[in-house]
C-alpha atoms as a PDB file:
ATOM      1  CA  MET A   1       0.024  -0.330  -0.011  1.00  0.00           C
ATOM      2  CA  GLU A   2       1.066   3.500  -0.602  1.00  0.00           C
ATOM      3  CA  THR A   3       1.298   6.634   1.690  1.00  0.00           C
ATOM      4  CA  SER A   4       1.795   9.470   0.988  1.00  0.00           C
ATOM      5  CA  SER A   5       3.510  12.683   3.359  1.00  0.00           C
ATOM      6  CA  VAL A   6       4.236  16.491   2.864  1.00  0.00           C
ATOM      7  CA  ILE A   7       7.877  17.464   2.979  1.00  0.00           C
ATOM      8  CA  VAL A   8       8.186  21.257   4.305  1.00  0.00           C
ATOM      9  CA  VAL A   9      10.791  22.844   1.894  1.00  0.00           C
ATOM     10  CA  ALA A  10      11.727  26.558   2.448  1.00  0.00           C
ATOM     11  CA  SER A  11      12.324  27.344  -1.612  1.00  0.00           C
ATOM     12  CA  ALA A  12      10.741  25.178  -3.963  1.00  0.00           C
ATOM     13  CA  SER A  13      12.900  26.298  -6.875  1.00  0.00           C
ATOM     14  CA  GLU A  14      16.040  24.914  -4.359  1.00  0.00           C
ATOM     15  CA  ALA A  15      13.996  21.685  -3.197  1.00  0.00           C
ATOM     16  CA  GLU A  16      13.890  20.773  -7.465  1.00  0.00           C
ATOM     17  CA  GLN A  17      17.433  20.996  -7.503  1.00  0.00           C
ATOM     18  CA  LEU A  18      18.141  18.544  -4.600  1.00  0.00           C
ATOM     19  CA  LEU A  19      15.335  16.595  -5.569  1.00  0.00           C
ATOM     20  CA  LEU A  20      16.880  16.193  -9.598  1.00  0.00           C
ATOM     21  CA  ALA A  21      20.226  15.673  -7.542  1.00  0.00           C
ATOM     22  CA  GLY A  22      18.325  12.810  -5.101  1.00  0.00           C
ATOM     23  CA  ASP A  23      20.242  15.061  -1.896  1.00  0.00           C
ATOM     24  CA  ILE A  24      16.703  14.809  -0.270  1.00  0.00           C
ATOM     25  CA  GLY A  25      15.958  11.140   1.333  1.00  0.00           C
ATOM     26  CA  CYS A  26      12.515   9.319   2.372  1.00  0.00           C
ATOM     27  CA  PRO A  27      11.577  10.144   5.746  1.00  0.00           C
ATOM     28  CA  GLY A  28      10.755   6.484   5.772  1.00  0.00           C
ATOM     29  CA  CYS A  29      13.788   4.656   4.454  1.00  0.00           C
ATOM     30  CA  SER A  30      16.169   8.130   4.191  1.00  0.00           C
ATOM     31  CA  ALA A  31      16.852   6.184   0.284  1.00  0.00           C
ATOM     32  CA  ALA A  32      17.461   9.203  -2.260  1.00  0.00           C
ATOM     33  CA  LEU A  33      13.694  10.522  -3.550  1.00  0.00           C
ATOM     34  CA  ARG A  34      12.667  10.869  -7.426  1.00  0.00           C
ATOM     35  CA  PRO A  35      10.844  13.422  -9.145  1.00  0.00           C
ATOM     36  CA  HIS A  36       7.212  11.351 -10.229  1.00  0.00           C
ATOM     37  CA  GLY A  37       5.106  14.211 -11.678  1.00  0.00           C
ATOM     38  CA  HIS A  38       2.384  17.394  -9.458  1.00  0.00           C
ATOM     39  CA  GLY A  39       0.422  17.520  -7.023  1.00  0.00           C
ATOM     40  CA  ARG A  40      -3.097  19.230  -7.320  1.00  0.00           C
ATOM     41  CA  THR A  41      -2.820  23.016  -8.632  1.00  0.00           C
ATOM     42  CA  ARG A  42      -4.089  24.684  -5.428  1.00  0.00           C
ATOM     43  CA  THR A  43      -5.282  28.779  -5.284  1.00  0.00           C
ATOM     44  CA  VAL A  44      -5.098  29.873  -2.129  1.00  0.00           C
ATOM     45  CA  ARG A  45      -5.682  33.494  -0.714  1.00  0.00           C
ATOM     46  CA  GLY A  46      -2.428  35.932   0.084  1.00  0.00           C
ATOM     47  CA  VAL A  47      -2.876  38.638   1.727  1.00  0.00           C
ATOM     48  CA  GLY A  48      -5.682  41.477   0.757  1.00  0.00           C
ATOM     49  CA  ALA A  49      -6.319  40.531  -2.435  1.00  0.00           C
ATOM     50  CA  GLN A  50      -3.456  38.678  -3.955  1.00  0.00           C
ATOM     51  CA  ARG A  51      -4.639  34.906  -4.877  1.00  0.00           C
ATOM     52  CA  VAL A  52      -1.449  32.275  -4.590  1.00  0.00           C
ATOM     53  CA  THR A  53      -1.229  29.604  -6.755  1.00  0.00           C
ATOM     54  CA  HIS A  54       1.371  26.548  -6.897  1.00  0.00           C
ATOM     55  CA  THR A  55       1.890  22.965  -8.299  1.00  0.00           C
ATOM     56  CA  PRO A  56       3.757  20.873  -5.592  1.00  0.00           C
ATOM     57  CA  ARG A  57       6.053  18.909  -6.473  1.00  0.00           C
ATOM     58  CA  ARG A  58       5.332  15.615  -5.609  1.00  0.00           C
ATOM     59  CA  ALA A  59       8.384  12.762  -5.498  1.00  0.00           C
ATOM     60  CA  ARG A  60       8.691   9.110  -4.716  1.00  0.00           C
ATOM     61  CA  CYS A  61      11.103   6.222  -3.153  1.00  0.00           C
ATOM     62  CA  GLY A  62      12.847   4.024  -5.015  1.00  0.00           C
ATOM     63  CA  ASP A  63      13.550   1.884  -1.873  1.00  0.00           C
ATOM     64  CA  CYS A  64      10.669   1.763  -0.438  1.00  0.00           C
ATOM     65  CA  GLY A  65       7.359   3.382  -2.862  1.00  0.00           C
ATOM     66  CA  ARG A  66       6.207   6.077  -0.243  1.00  0.00           C
ATOM     67  CA  THR A  67       5.536   9.618  -2.224  1.00  0.00           C
ATOM     68  CA  GLN A  68       5.841  12.356  -0.943  1.00  0.00           C
ATOM     69  CA  ILE A  69       4.964  16.156  -1.882  1.00  0.00           C
ATOM     70  CA  LEU A  70       7.082  19.404  -1.956  1.00  0.00           C
ATOM     71  CA  LEU A  71       5.277  22.108  -0.309  1.00  0.00           C
ATOM     72  CA  PRO A  72       7.448  25.443   0.159  1.00  0.00           C
ATOM     73  CA  THR A  73       6.518  26.834   3.297  1.00  0.00           C
ATOM     74  CA  GLU A  74       4.416  29.953   1.496  1.00  0.00           C
ATOM     75  CA  LEU A  75       1.652  27.502   2.050  1.00  0.00           C
ATOM     76  CA  THR A  76      -0.219  25.145   4.764  1.00  0.00           C
ATOM     77  CA  VAL A  77      -1.382  21.796   4.468  1.00  0.00           C
ATOM     78  CA  ARG A  78      -4.725  21.534   3.985  1.00  0.00           C
ATOM     79  CA  ARG A  79      -5.713  25.436   4.072  1.00  0.00           C
ATOM     80  CA  ALA A  80      -7.064  27.920   1.928  1.00  0.00           C
ATOM     81  CA  ASP A  81      -4.928  30.868   3.164  1.00  0.00           C
ATOM     82  CA  THR A  82      -0.762  31.809   2.818  1.00  0.00           C
ATOM     83  CA  THR A  83       0.982  31.307   5.770  1.00  0.00           C
ATOM     84  CA  GLU A  84       2.083  34.439   5.886  1.00  0.00           C
ATOM     85  CA  ALA A  85      -2.415  35.995   5.834  1.00  0.00           C
ATOM     86  CA  ILE A  86      -2.745  33.752   8.627  1.00  0.00           C
ATOM     87  CA  GLY A  87       0.059  35.175  10.977  1.00  0.00           C
ATOM     88  CA  ASN A  88      -0.872  38.431   9.933  1.00  0.00           C
ATOM     89  CA  SER A  89      -4.834  37.777  11.091  1.00  0.00           C
ATOM     90  CA  ALA A  90      -3.494  35.709  13.842  1.00  0.00           C
ATOM     91  CA  ASP A  91      -1.206  39.085  15.276  1.00  0.00           C
ATOM     92  CA  ARG A  92      -3.957  41.684  14.096  1.00  0.00           C
ATOM     93  CA  GLY A  93      -6.703  39.761  15.991  1.00  0.00           C
ATOM     94  CA  ALA A  94      -4.755  38.379  19.347  1.00  0.00           C
ATOM     95  CA  GLY A  95      -6.254  40.060  22.108  1.00  0.00           C
ATOM     96  CA  ARG A  96      -9.306  41.421  19.857  1.00  0.00           C
ATOM     97  CA  GLY A  97     -12.942  41.106  20.003  1.00  0.00           C
ATOM     98  CA  ALA A  98     -14.787  39.202  18.131  1.00  0.00           C
ATOM     99  CA  SER A  99     -14.274  37.086  14.969  1.00  0.00           C
ATOM    100  CA  ARG A 100     -16.431  38.995  13.055  1.00  0.00           C
ATOM    101  CA  ASP A 101     -15.512  42.392  14.100  1.00  0.00           C
ATOM    102  CA  ARG A 102     -11.830  40.504  12.660  1.00  0.00           C
ATOM    103  CA  ARG A 103     -13.203  39.893  10.108  1.00  0.00           C
ATOM    104  CA  ARG A 104     -14.918  43.317   8.774  1.00  0.00           C
ATOM    105  CA  ARG A 105     -11.455  44.846   9.869  1.00  0.00           C
ATOM    106  CA  HIS A 106      -9.659  42.953   7.554  1.00  0.00           C
ATOM    107  CA  GLN A 107     -11.726  42.237   4.708  1.00  0.00           C
ATOM    108  CA  ALA A 108     -11.373  38.499   5.673  1.00  0.00           C
ATOM    109  CA  PRO A 109     -14.018  35.774   4.069  1.00  0.00           C
ATOM    110  CA  VAL A 110     -16.372  34.476   6.190  1.00  0.00           C
ATOM    111  CA  GLY A 111     -14.505  31.561   7.681  1.00  0.00           C
ATOM    112  CA  ALA A 112     -11.068  32.948   7.365  1.00  0.00           C
ATOM    113  CA  VAL A 113     -10.831  33.976  10.858  1.00  0.00           C
ATOM    114  CA  ARG A 114     -12.258  32.389  13.863  1.00  0.00           C
END
């Protein structure tokens, strides 16, 4: 059975170079990961009205067969906002009123601020 997980990378372009060189090890068995296509393209909310579209790189271990998604630090697993947008909302909203007020103040869509 194939399992998949996420490896967070500082830079997508640097991770691509390391992946092609065989310099990223499998978290499961430490063998070298190899390119294995791409993950699903997704668009997430950035700061303000900015939208960020990214197609993450997929890698597969030649020994154990596990697949990994290489996700840059700008994005967060299963979140509709960039890491920066989440941090900004948390900073601005710390200790202030109800979430409805924070959402209105920062012009965030419903569900983005709790």
